[in-house]
Amino acid sequence: MSDEAALLQRQAAYIDSLRGLYRSERTAGLVACLVGVILMSLARFRFSGEPALLWSGVGVIALGWGLFAYAILRRRLWVRAHPFDANG
């Protein structure tokens, strides 16, 4: 195997491991955003705009975005602590 092929293989493995980091948090954030949107839709169209349900939906969406931000920041910290080493 040539050096370039080995480098590409190591780089692909590094990217795959990076993509897998904090996947559960990202999935939970997505689900929380979807649940929040459904809750807001139900509150608006089914329960005549009940304010408590609308604000609960906004809170759940904010929680989902918070999980997204947490996953992004943690991945960034991991990349800074474990940079890709082309020689190793």
Protein backbone atom coordinates (compact mmCIF):
# COMPACT_ATOMS: atom_id res chain seq x y z
CA MET A 1 0.00 0.00 0.00
CA SER A 2 1.41 3.37 -0.92
CA ASP A 3 1.96 6.14 1.59
CA GLU A 4 -0.80 8.26 0.10
CA ALA A 5 -3.34 5.43 0.30
CA ALA A 6 -2.40 4.75 3.91
CA LEU A 7 -2.74 8.44 4.73
CA LEU A 8 -6.18 8.57 3.11
CA GLN A 9 -7.24 5.47 5.03
CA ARG A 10 -6.10 6.96 8.38
CA GLN A 11 -7.78 10.25 7.53
CA ALA A 12 -11.05 8.48 6.67
CA ALA A 13 -10.93 6.56 9.95
CA TYR A 14 -10.33 9.82 11.85
CA ILE A 15 -13.31 11.48 10.14
CA ASP A 16 -15.53 8.47 10.82
CA SER A 17 -14.64 8.52 14.51
CA LEU A 18 -15.31 12.25 14.60
CA ARG A 19 -18.73 11.82 13.02
CA GLY A 20 -19.67 9.26 15.65
CA LEU A 21 -18.89 11.53 18.59
CA TYR A 22 -21.93 12.73 20.56
CA ARG A 23 -24.34 11.18 18.11
CA SER A 24 -26.87 10.41 20.83
CA GLU A 25 -26.90 14.05 21.96
CA ARG A 26 -27.43 15.25 18.40
CA THR A 27 -30.24 12.73 17.88
CA ALA A 28 -31.85 13.75 21.17
CA GLY A 29 -31.63 17.40 20.09
CA LEU A 30 -33.34 16.62 16.81
CA VAL A 31 -36.09 14.65 18.53
CA ALA A 32 -36.57 17.43 21.11
CA CYS A 33 -36.94 20.02 18.34
CA LEU A 34 -39.49 17.87 16.54
CA VAL A 35 -41.46 17.24 19.74
CA GLY A 36 -41.43 20.97 20.48
CA VAL A 37 -42.77 21.81 17.02
CA ILE A 38 -45.49 19.17 17.35
CA LEU A 39 -46.39 20.51 20.79
CA MET A 40 -46.63 24.06 19.46
CA SER A 41 -48.72 22.92 16.50
CA LEU A 42 -51.11 21.03 18.75
CA ALA A 43 -51.36 23.98 21.11
CA ARG A 44 -52.09 26.38 18.28
CA PHE A 45 -54.49 24.39 16.14
CA ARG A 46 -56.05 21.87 18.53
CA PHE A 47 -56.23 23.77 21.83
CA SER A 48 -56.88 27.29 20.50
CA GLY A 49 -53.49 28.73 21.27
CA GLU A 50 -53.12 27.69 24.90
CA PRO A 51 -50.18 29.86 26.12
CA ALA A 52 -48.77 27.28 28.52
CA LEU A 53 -48.48 24.68 25.77
CA LEU A 54 -47.02 27.19 23.33
CA TRP A 55 -44.30 28.20 25.78
CA SER A 56 -43.67 24.57 26.66
CA GLY A 57 -43.07 23.89 22.98
CA VAL A 58 -40.66 26.83 22.78
CA GLY A 59 -38.83 25.48 25.83
CA VAL A 60 -38.49 22.01 24.34
CA ILE A 61 -37.17 23.49 21.08
CA ALA A 62 -34.65 25.56 23.06
CA LEU A 63 -33.57 22.40 24.88
CA GLY A 64 -33.04 20.67 21.53
CA TRP A 65 -30.89 23.54 20.24
CA GLY A 66 -28.97 23.48 23.50
CA LEU A 67 -28.18 19.81 22.90
CA PHE A 68 -27.01 20.63 19.37
CA ALA A 69 -24.74 23.38 20.71
CA TYR A 70 -23.38 21.08 23.43
CA ALA A 71 -22.50 18.40 20.87
CA ILE A 72 -20.82 20.92 18.57
CA LEU A 73 -18.74 22.41 21.37
CA ARG A 74 -17.72 19.02 22.76
CA ARG A 75 -16.68 17.80 19.30
CA ARG A 76 -14.67 20.95 18.77
CA LEU A 77 -12.89 20.42 22.08
CA TRP A 78 -12.17 16.80 21.14
CA VAL A 79 -10.71 17.82 17.77
CA ARG A 80 -8.47 20.38 19.46
CA ALA A 81 -7.26 17.76 21.93
CA HIS A 82 -6.83 15.07 19.24
CA PRO A 83 -5.75 16.72 15.99
CA PHE A 84 -5.17 14.57 12.92
CA ASP A 85 -1.52 13.62 12.69
CA ALA A 86 -0.48 12.88 9.13
CA ASN A 87 2.77 11.31 10.33
CA GLY A 88 1.31 8.99 12.95
